Structure formats: structure tokens, C-alpha cells
C-alpha atoms as a PDB file:
ATOM      1  CA  UNK A   1       9.089  93.569 181.023  1.00  0.00           C
ATOM      2  CA  UNK A   2      11.055  94.081 177.798  1.00  0.00           C
ATOM      3  CA  UNK A   3      14.553  93.416 179.137  1.00  0.00           C
ATOM      4  CA  UNK A   4      14.469  89.584 179.264  1.00  0.00           C
ATOM      5  CA  UNK A   5      13.377  89.423 175.619  1.00  0.00           C
ATOM      6  CA  UNK A   6      16.234  91.747 174.572  1.00  0.00           C
ATOM      7  CA  UNK A   7      18.695  89.617 176.520  1.00  0.00           C
ATOM      8  CA  UNK A   8      17.494  86.507 174.702  1.00  0.00           C
ATOM      9  CA  UNK A   9      18.010  88.186 171.311  1.00  0.00           C
ATOM     10  CA  UNK A  10      21.557  89.244 172.179  1.00  0.00           C
ATOM     11  CA  UNK A  11      22.406  85.723 173.315  1.00  0.00           C
ATOM     12  CA  UNK A  12      21.040  84.219 170.107  1.00  0.00           C
ATOM     13  CA  UNK A  13      22.954  86.769 168.009  1.00  0.00           C
ATOM     14  CA  UNK A  14      26.187  85.977 169.833  1.00  0.00           C
ATOM     15  CA  UNK A  15      25.809  82.215 169.297  1.00  0.00           C
ATOM     16  CA  UNK A  16      25.029  82.779 165.607  1.00  0.00           C
ATOM     17  CA  UNK A  17      28.176  84.871 165.097  1.00  0.00           C
ATOM     18  CA  UNK A  18      30.293  82.225 166.853  1.00  0.00           C
ATOM     19  CA  UNK A  19      28.937  79.515 164.539  1.00  0.00           C
ATOM     20  CA  UNK A  20      29.615  81.734 161.524  1.00  0.00           C
ATOM     21  CA  UNK A  21      33.184  82.318 162.648  1.00  0.00           C
ATOM     22  CA  UNK A  22      33.730  78.598 163.171  1.00  0.00           C
ATOM     23  CA  UNK A  23      32.437  77.779 159.694  1.00  0.00           C
ATOM     24  CA  UNK A  24      34.809  80.303 157.902  1.00  0.00           C
ATOM     25  CA  UNK A  25      38.326  78.889 157.431  1.00  0.00           C
ATOM     26  CA  UNK A  26      41.230  81.040 158.619  1.00  0.00           C
ATOM     27  CA  UNK A  27      43.291  82.764 155.911  1.00  0.00           C
ATOM     28  CA  UNK A  28      46.828  81.428 155.569  1.00  0.00           C
ATOM     29  CA  UNK A  29      49.654  83.962 155.262  1.00  0.00           C
ATOM     30  CA  UNK A  30      51.640  83.561 152.062  1.00  0.00           C
ATOM     31  CA  UNK A  31      55.303  82.742 152.621  1.00  0.00           C
ATOM     32  CA  UNK A  32      57.626  85.501 151.463  1.00  0.00           C
ATOM     33  CA  UNK A  33      59.385  84.508 148.253  1.00  0.00           C
ATOM     34  CA  UNK A  34      63.093  85.215 148.331  1.00  0.00           C
ATOM     35  CA  UNK A  35      64.392  86.504 144.995  1.00  0.00           C
ATOM     36  CA  UNK A  36      68.020  85.618 144.298  1.00  0.00           C
ATOM     37  CA  UNK A  37      69.941  88.356 142.569  1.00  0.00           C
ATOM     38  CA  UNK A  38      71.959  87.181 139.584  1.00  0.00           C
ATOM     39  CA  UNK A  39      75.709  87.517 140.132  1.00  0.00           C
ATOM     40  CA  UNK A  40      77.267  90.229 137.927  1.00  0.00           C
ATOM     41  CA  UNK A  41      79.015  88.804 134.861  1.00  0.00           C
ATOM     42  CA  UNK A  42      82.740  89.337 134.659  1.00  0.00           C
ATOM     43  CA  UNK A  43      83.710  91.556 131.765  1.00  0.00           C
ATOM     44  CA  UNK A  44      85.797  89.764 129.152  1.00  0.00           C
ATOM     45  CA  UNK A  45      89.406  91.033 128.990  1.00  0.00           C
ATOM     46  CA  UNK A  46      89.874  93.631 126.280  1.00  0.00           C
ATOM     47  CA  UNK A  47      91.750  92.304 123.278  1.00  0.00           C
ATOM     48  CA  UNK A  48      94.889  94.193 122.348  1.00  0.00           C
ATOM     49  CA  UNK A  49      94.366  96.036 119.121  1.00  0.00           C
ATOM     50  CA  UNK A  50      96.942  95.166 116.507  1.00  0.00           C
ATOM     51  CA  UNK A  51      98.336  98.204 114.682  1.00  0.00           C
ATOM     52  CA  UNK A  52      96.758  98.704 111.320  1.00  0.00           C
ATOM     53  CA  UNK A  53      99.139  98.709 108.371  1.00  0.00           C
ATOM     54  CA  UNK A  54      99.720 102.152 106.878  1.00  0.00           C
ATOM     55  CA  UNK A  55      97.822 102.704 103.662  1.00  0.00           C
ATOM     56  CA  UNK A  56      98.654 105.613 101.375  1.00  0.00           C
ATOM     57  CA  UNK A  57      95.977 108.285 101.687  1.00  0.00           C
ATOM     58  CA  UNK A  58      94.551 106.838 104.906  1.00  0.00           C
ATOM     59  CA  UNK A  59      95.428 107.545 108.520  1.00  0.00           C
ATOM     60  CA  UNK A  60      98.261 109.671 109.952  1.00  0.00           C
ATOM     61  CA  UNK A  61     101.456 110.038 107.948  1.00  0.00           C
ATOM     62  CA  UNK A  62     104.397 108.372 109.759  1.00  0.00           C
ATOM     63  CA  UNK A  63     107.231 110.686 110.765  1.00  0.00           C
ATOM     64  CA  UNK A  64     110.351 110.313 108.624  1.00  0.00           C
ATOM     65  CA  UNK A  65     113.352 108.744 110.327  1.00  0.00           C
ATOM     66  CA  UNK A  66     116.744 110.105 109.340  1.00  0.00           C
ATOM     67  CA  UNK A  67     119.295 107.449 108.471  1.00  0.00           C
ATOM     68  CA  UNK A  68     123.056 107.533 108.143  1.00  0.00           C
ATOM     69  CA  UNK A  69     124.420 107.511 104.605  1.00  0.00           C
ATOM     70  CA  UNK A  70     127.990 107.356 103.282  1.00  0.00           C
ATOM     71  CA  UNK A  71     128.894 108.649  99.818  1.00  0.00           C
ATOM     72  CA  UNK A  72     132.156 107.621  98.129  1.00  0.00           C
ATOM     73  CA  UNK A  73     133.588 109.603  95.199  1.00  0.00           C
ATOM     74  CA  UNK A  74     136.493 108.006  93.359  1.00  0.00           C
ATOM     75  CA  UNK A  75     139.407 109.950  91.852  1.00  0.00           C
ATOM     76  CA  UNK A  76     138.030 109.461  88.315  1.00  0.00           C
ATOM     77  CA  UNK A  77     135.434 112.148  89.201  1.00  0.00           C
ATOM     78  CA  UNK A  78     138.180 114.790  89.692  1.00  0.00           C
ATOM     79  CA  UNK A  79     139.177 117.159  86.858  1.00  0.00           C
ATOM     80  CA  UNK A  80     141.407 120.239  86.596  1.00  0.00           C
ATOM     81  CA  UNK A  81     139.531 123.579  86.498  1.00  0.00           C
ATOM     82  CA  UNK A  82     141.801 124.518  83.576  1.00  0.00           C
ATOM     83  CA  UNK A  83     141.638 121.790  80.937  1.00  0.00           C
ATOM     84  CA  UNK A  84     145.098 122.762  79.671  1.00  0.00           C
ATOM     85  CA  UNK A  85     146.589 121.459  82.938  1.00  0.00           C
ATOM     86  CA  UNK A  86     145.502 117.929  81.989  1.00  0.00           C
ATOM     87  CA  UNK A  87     145.439 114.963  84.332  1.00  0.00           C
ATOM     88  CA  UNK A  88     147.206 111.626  84.764  1.00  0.00           C
ATOM     89  CA  UNK A  89     145.556 108.515  86.236  1.00  0.00           C
ATOM     90  CA  UNK A  90     147.696 106.362  88.496  1.00  0.00           C
ATOM     91  CA  UNK A  91     145.004 103.771  89.108  1.00  0.00           C
ATOM     92  CA  UNK A  92     144.863 102.926  92.825  1.00  0.00           C
ATOM     93  CA  UNK A  93     147.289 105.721  93.685  1.00  0.00           C
ATOM     94  CA  UNK A  94     144.702 108.192  92.370  1.00  0.00           C
ATOM     95  CA  UNK A  95     144.878 111.107  89.943  1.00  0.00           C
ATOM     96  CA  UNK A  96     147.163 114.142  89.609  1.00  0.00           C
ATOM     97  CA  UNK A  97     147.389 117.040  87.189  1.00  0.00           C
ATOM     98  CA  UNK A  98     149.747 116.680  84.240  1.00  0.00           C
ATOM     99  CA  UNK A  99     151.153 120.116  85.032  1.00  0.00           C
ATOM    100  CA  UNK A 100     152.651 119.917  88.531  1.00  0.00           C
ATOM    101  CA  UNK A 101     151.186 122.120  91.246  1.00  0.00           C
ATOM    102  CA  UNK A 102     147.687 122.505  89.769  1.00  0.00           C
ATOM    103  CA  UNK A 103     144.233 121.768  91.187  1.00  0.00           C
ATOM    104  CA  UNK A 104     141.703 118.963  90.834  1.00  0.00           C
ATOM    105  CA  UNK A 105     138.005 119.471  91.643  1.00  0.00           C
ATOM    106  CA  UNK A 106     134.804 117.453  91.902  1.00  0.00           C
ATOM    107  CA  UNK A 107     131.146 118.112  92.707  1.00  0.00           C
ATOM    108  CA  UNK A 108     129.673 116.896  96.005  1.00  0.00           C
ATOM    109  CA  UNK A 109     126.028 115.865  95.620  1.00  0.00           C
ATOM    110  CA  UNK A 110     124.063 115.855  98.917  1.00  0.00           C
ATOM    111  CA  UNK A 111     120.259 116.262  99.250  1.00  0.00           C
ATOM    112  CA  UNK A 112     118.879 119.523 100.635  1.00  0.00           C
ATOM    113  CA  UNK A 113     118.031 119.165 104.328  1.00  0.00           C
ATOM    114  CA  UNK A 114     120.621 116.460 104.942  1.00  0.00           C
ATOM    115  CA  UNK A 115     122.845 116.925 108.005  1.00  0.00           C
ATOM    116  CA  UNK A 116     126.491 116.655 107.020  1.00  0.00           C
ATOM    117  CA  UNK A 117     128.526 114.759 109.623  1.00  0.00           C
ATOM    118  CA  UNK A 118     131.968 114.467 108.031  1.00  0.00           C
ATOM    119  CA  UNK A 119     133.990 114.796 104.857  1.00  0.00           C
ATOM    120  CA  UNK A 120     137.174 112.816 104.299  1.00  0.00           C
ATOM    121  CA  UNK A 121     139.827 113.313 101.634  1.00  0.00           C
ATOM    122  CA  UNK A 122     141.867 110.278 100.582  1.00  0.00           C
ATOM    123  CA  UNK A 123     145.272 111.098  99.043  1.00  0.00           C
ATOM    124  CA  UNK A 124     149.011 110.476  98.857  1.00  0.00           C
ATOM    125  CA  UNK A 125     151.611 113.134  99.647  1.00  0.00           C
ATOM    126  CA  UNK A 126     155.310 112.344  99.502  1.00  0.00           C
ATOM    127  CA  UNK A 127     156.253 116.021  99.068  1.00  0.00           C
ATOM    128  CA  UNK A 128     157.579 118.072 102.002  1.00  0.00           C
ATOM    129  CA  UNK A 129     154.565 120.398 101.842  1.00  0.00           C
ATOM    130  CA  UNK A 130     151.130 120.483 103.485  1.00  0.00           C
ATOM    131  CA  UNK A 131     148.379 121.161 100.945  1.00  0.00           C
ATOM    132  CA  UNK A 132     145.363 123.260 101.954  1.00  0.00           C
ATOM    133  CA  UNK A 133     142.205 121.898 100.291  1.00  0.00           C
ATOM    134  CA  UNK A 134     138.763 123.527 100.134  1.00  0.00           C
ATOM    135  CA  UNK A 135     135.206 122.303 100.586  1.00  0.00           C
ATOM    136  CA  UNK A 136     133.137 125.076  98.987  1.00  0.00           C
ATOM    137  CA  UNK A 137     129.642 126.052  97.882  1.00  0.00           C
ATOM    138  CA  UNK A 138     128.143 128.665  95.580  1.00  0.00           C
ATOM    139  CA  UNK A 139     124.575 129.916  95.310  1.00  0.00           C
ATOM    140  CA  UNK A 140     122.564 128.814  92.308  1.00  0.00           C
ATOM    141  CA  UNK A 141     121.016 132.267  91.720  1.00  0.00           C
ATOM    142  CA  UNK A 142     123.571 134.853  92.822  1.00  0.00           C
ATOM    143  CA  UNK A 143     127.206 135.500  93.722  1.00  0.00           C
ATOM    144  CA  UNK A 144     128.278 133.983  97.049  1.00  0.00           C
ATOM    145  CA  UNK A 145     130.494 136.352  99.054  1.00  0.00           C
ATOM    146  CA  UNK A 146     133.431 135.291 101.193  1.00  0.00           C
ATOM    147  CA  UNK A 147     132.143 133.880 104.468  1.00  0.00           C
ATOM    148  CA  UNK A 148     129.283 132.127 102.711  1.00  0.00           C
ATOM    149  CA  UNK A 149     131.149 130.176 100.067  1.00  0.00           C
ATOM    150  CA  UNK A 150     133.454 128.359 102.512  1.00  0.00           C
ATOM    151  CA  UNK A 151     132.228 125.070 103.984  1.00  0.00           C
ATOM    152  CA  UNK A 152     135.579 123.834 105.293  1.00  0.00           C
ATOM    153  CA  UNK A 153     139.374 124.197 104.962  1.00  0.00           C
ATOM    154  CA  UNK A 154     141.213 120.887 105.225  1.00  0.00           C
ATOM    155  CA  UNK A 155     144.987 120.514 105.646  1.00  0.00           C
ATOM    156  CA  UNK A 156     146.542 117.535 103.859  1.00  0.00           C
ATOM    157  CA  UNK A 157     150.001 117.003 105.383  1.00  0.00           C
ATOM    158  CA  UNK A 158     152.720 114.725 103.966  1.00  0.00           C
ATOM    159  CA  UNK A 159     153.223 111.361 105.637  1.00  0.00           C
ATOM    160  CA  UNK A 160     154.489 107.840 105.175  1.00  0.00           C
ATOM    161  CA  UNK A 161     151.963 105.182 106.081  1.00  0.00           C
ATOM    162  CA  UNK A 162     152.867 101.568 105.220  1.00  0.00           C
ATOM    163  CA  UNK A 163     152.113  99.600 103.208  1.00  0.00           C
ATOM    164  CA  UNK A 164     151.022 102.021 100.438  1.00  0.00           C
ATOM    165  CA  UNK A 165     151.272 105.520 101.947  1.00  0.00           C
ATOM    166  CA  UNK A 166     147.504 106.017 101.467  1.00  0.00           C
ATOM    167  CA  UNK A 167     146.388 108.852 103.734  1.00  0.00           C
ATOM    168  CA  UNK A 168     143.006 110.163 104.945  1.00  0.00           C
ATOM    169  CA  UNK A 169     142.073 113.404 106.689  1.00  0.00           C
ATOM    170  CA  UNK A 170     138.556 113.933 108.065  1.00  0.00           C
ATOM    171  CA  UNK A 171     136.811 117.192 108.961  1.00  0.00           C
ATOM    172  CA  UNK A 172     133.592 117.474 111.022  1.00  0.00           C
ATOM    173  CA  UNK A 173     133.051 121.255 111.426  1.00  0.00           C
ATOM    174  CA  UNK A 174     130.612 122.953 109.028  1.00  0.00           C
ATOM    175  CA  UNK A 175     128.442 126.105 108.942  1.00  0.00           C
ATOM    176  CA  UNK A 176     124.670 125.959 109.619  1.00  0.00           C
ATOM    177  CA  UNK A 177     125.195 122.967 111.905  1.00  0.00           C
ATOM    178  CA  UNK A 178     126.026 120.898 108.827  1.00  0.00           C
ATOM    179  CA  UNK A 179     122.472 121.249 107.426  1.00  0.00           C
ATOM    180  CA  UNK A 180     122.592 121.411 103.618  1.00  0.00           C
ATOM    181  CA  UNK A 181     120.828 124.603 102.555  1.00  0.00           C
ATOM    182  CA  UNK A 182     118.585 124.960  99.526  1.00  0.00           C
ATOM    183  CA  UNK A 183     119.884 126.551  96.279  1.00  0.00           C
ATOM    184  CA  UNK A 184     123.565 125.817  96.993  1.00  0.00           C
ATOM    185  CA  UNK A 185     126.029 123.877  94.807  1.00  0.00           C
ATOM    186  CA  UNK A 186     128.843 122.064  96.622  1.00  0.00           C
ATOM    187  CA  UNK A 187     132.280 121.013  95.427  1.00  0.00           C
ATOM    188  CA  UNK A 188     135.787 120.137  96.618  1.00  0.00           C
ATOM    189  CA  UNK A 189     138.962 121.707  95.242  1.00  0.00           C
ATOM    190  CA  UNK A 190     142.396 120.228  95.967  1.00  0.00           C
ATOM    191  CA  UNK A 191     145.361 122.318  94.757  1.00  0.00           C
ATOM    192  CA  UNK A 192     149.044 121.371  94.509  1.00  0.00           C
ATOM    193  CA  UNK A 193     148.687 117.968  92.853  1.00  0.00           C
ATOM    194  CA  UNK A 194     151.332 116.640  90.496  1.00  0.00           C
ATOM    195  CA  UNK A 195     154.660 114.904  90.101  1.00  0.00           C
ATOM    196  CA  UNK A 196     157.519 117.034  91.427  1.00  0.00           C
ATOM    197  CA  UNK A 197     160.282 114.565  90.571  1.00  0.00           C
ATOM    198  CA  UNK A 198     162.751 114.324  93.434  1.00  0.00           C
ATOM    199  CA  UNK A 199     160.367 116.547  95.419  1.00  0.00           C
ATOM    200  CA  UNK A 200     157.770 113.779  95.568  1.00  0.00           C
ATOM    201  CA  UNK A 201     154.189 113.379  94.318  1.00  0.00           C
ATOM    202  CA  UNK A 202     150.784 114.502  95.441  1.00  0.00           C
ATOM    203  CA  UNK A 203     147.742 112.549  94.189  1.00  0.00           C
ATOM    204  CA  UNK A 204     144.025 112.568  94.969  1.00  0.00           C
ATOM    205  CA  UNK A 205     142.470 109.145  95.602  1.00  0.00           C
ATOM    206  CA  UNK A 206     138.924 110.286  96.319  1.00  0.00           C
ATOM    207  CA  UNK A 207     136.486 111.776  98.817  1.00  0.00           C
ATOM    208  CA  UNK A 208     133.939 110.239 101.191  1.00  0.00           C
ATOM    209  CA  UNK A 209     131.032 112.059 102.841  1.00  0.00           C
ATOM    210  CA  UNK A 210     128.873 110.937 105.782  1.00  0.00           C
ATOM    211  CA  UNK A 211     125.453 112.529 106.335  1.00  0.00           C
ATOM    212  CA  UNK A 212     122.054 111.867 107.938  1.00  0.00           C
ATOM    213  CA  UNK A 213     118.926 112.075 105.817  1.00  0.00           C
END
């Protein structure tokens, strides 16, 4: 019979495989390695940039800032339009024409583009009359018609004002919003100055102008 011999072979093969399995060591499972993630670094606070100083020819040009200016013109700058009328200086009391009832004038120098805020006339007037003075302009290249030449009409009334009777009248209304236009020449004319004896005196002490530029 062949079957018992085959059974013996299977038994021997089974024992041999068991011995082989016992002799081979069991494989150990590797422990999982935990990787720690690095914490995100905090960004350093941004440093405030200090403004760079302006250098000519570099960077944006700063916008101009208009400032207030005051111009004072003393009576020594006033002269009669007609030299034959002459003038007399009375020091702090101002200047008058030698021939009573005549005018004194002076130029007003203001930069183009300036915004005129006010003009004030400083004077004395012990006469009974109010004098009408003129703030005028004329064009450098052509004749200026009426309506363009006038900048302001300023009444200078008589008054007594202790201790010296020094008076001031201020005007603040001007054409073109007070903006000084290009190609114009400005001046002030004050008529009616002089010594009228018992009728009193009218003198010009000066002019002051306030403008932004």
C-alpha cells in the first residue's frame, strides 16, 4: 500500500516546518516616530518709517503753504501827482500837500497770486469833511477802463481820537476775491490833504496791507 508511506512523508514535512519556524526569530514592529512640528515664529513688529528729508530734485515737491503777511507803508512814500503842489512833512502826524486840497499817492507792491485781505489808511482829519480815497490799479500793457481800474473806495471821515487824533479806516472788499492779478500795477490816491487854517488839517500817516501768500 502506498498511503502509509505518503502519510509518513507529510508528518516529517510538518515537523520540519515547525522546527524551521521555531528557529526564525519574529520580526519586531518599529515604533512610530512622532515628529514635532516647529511652532511658527512671531513676526517682528514693523518699524515705523521716519520721513525722509526733502532733497531738491528728489521725491515729490511739497505743496506751498500760504502765510499771512502785513505790509506797512509810511507817509514818506507819498507824493503829489503834480509836483507843483509840493508836500510838507509833519513827522509823526504824517504828510500833506503844500497846496491845500490836493492829492498824495503811493504805489502798493503785492506779489501776483497773493490774496488781499485788507487795506488800512492811517490819517488825521480835523476838517469838517469826509475825504473819499481810492485804491486803484492799471494794466501794464493797455488802458484800464472804468470798472476794472477800481479796487476800493474808502471814506476817511473827520474825528477826534485822544490822545493824538490818529485815525485808521480799514476796507476788506475787493474784486476777484482779493486775488492779485498778473500785469496790474496798484496804487493808493488820497485827495483833499492840506492845511486849511481855521478849517482844520488833513494829513496822511501811511497805509498798511494784509495779504496771504
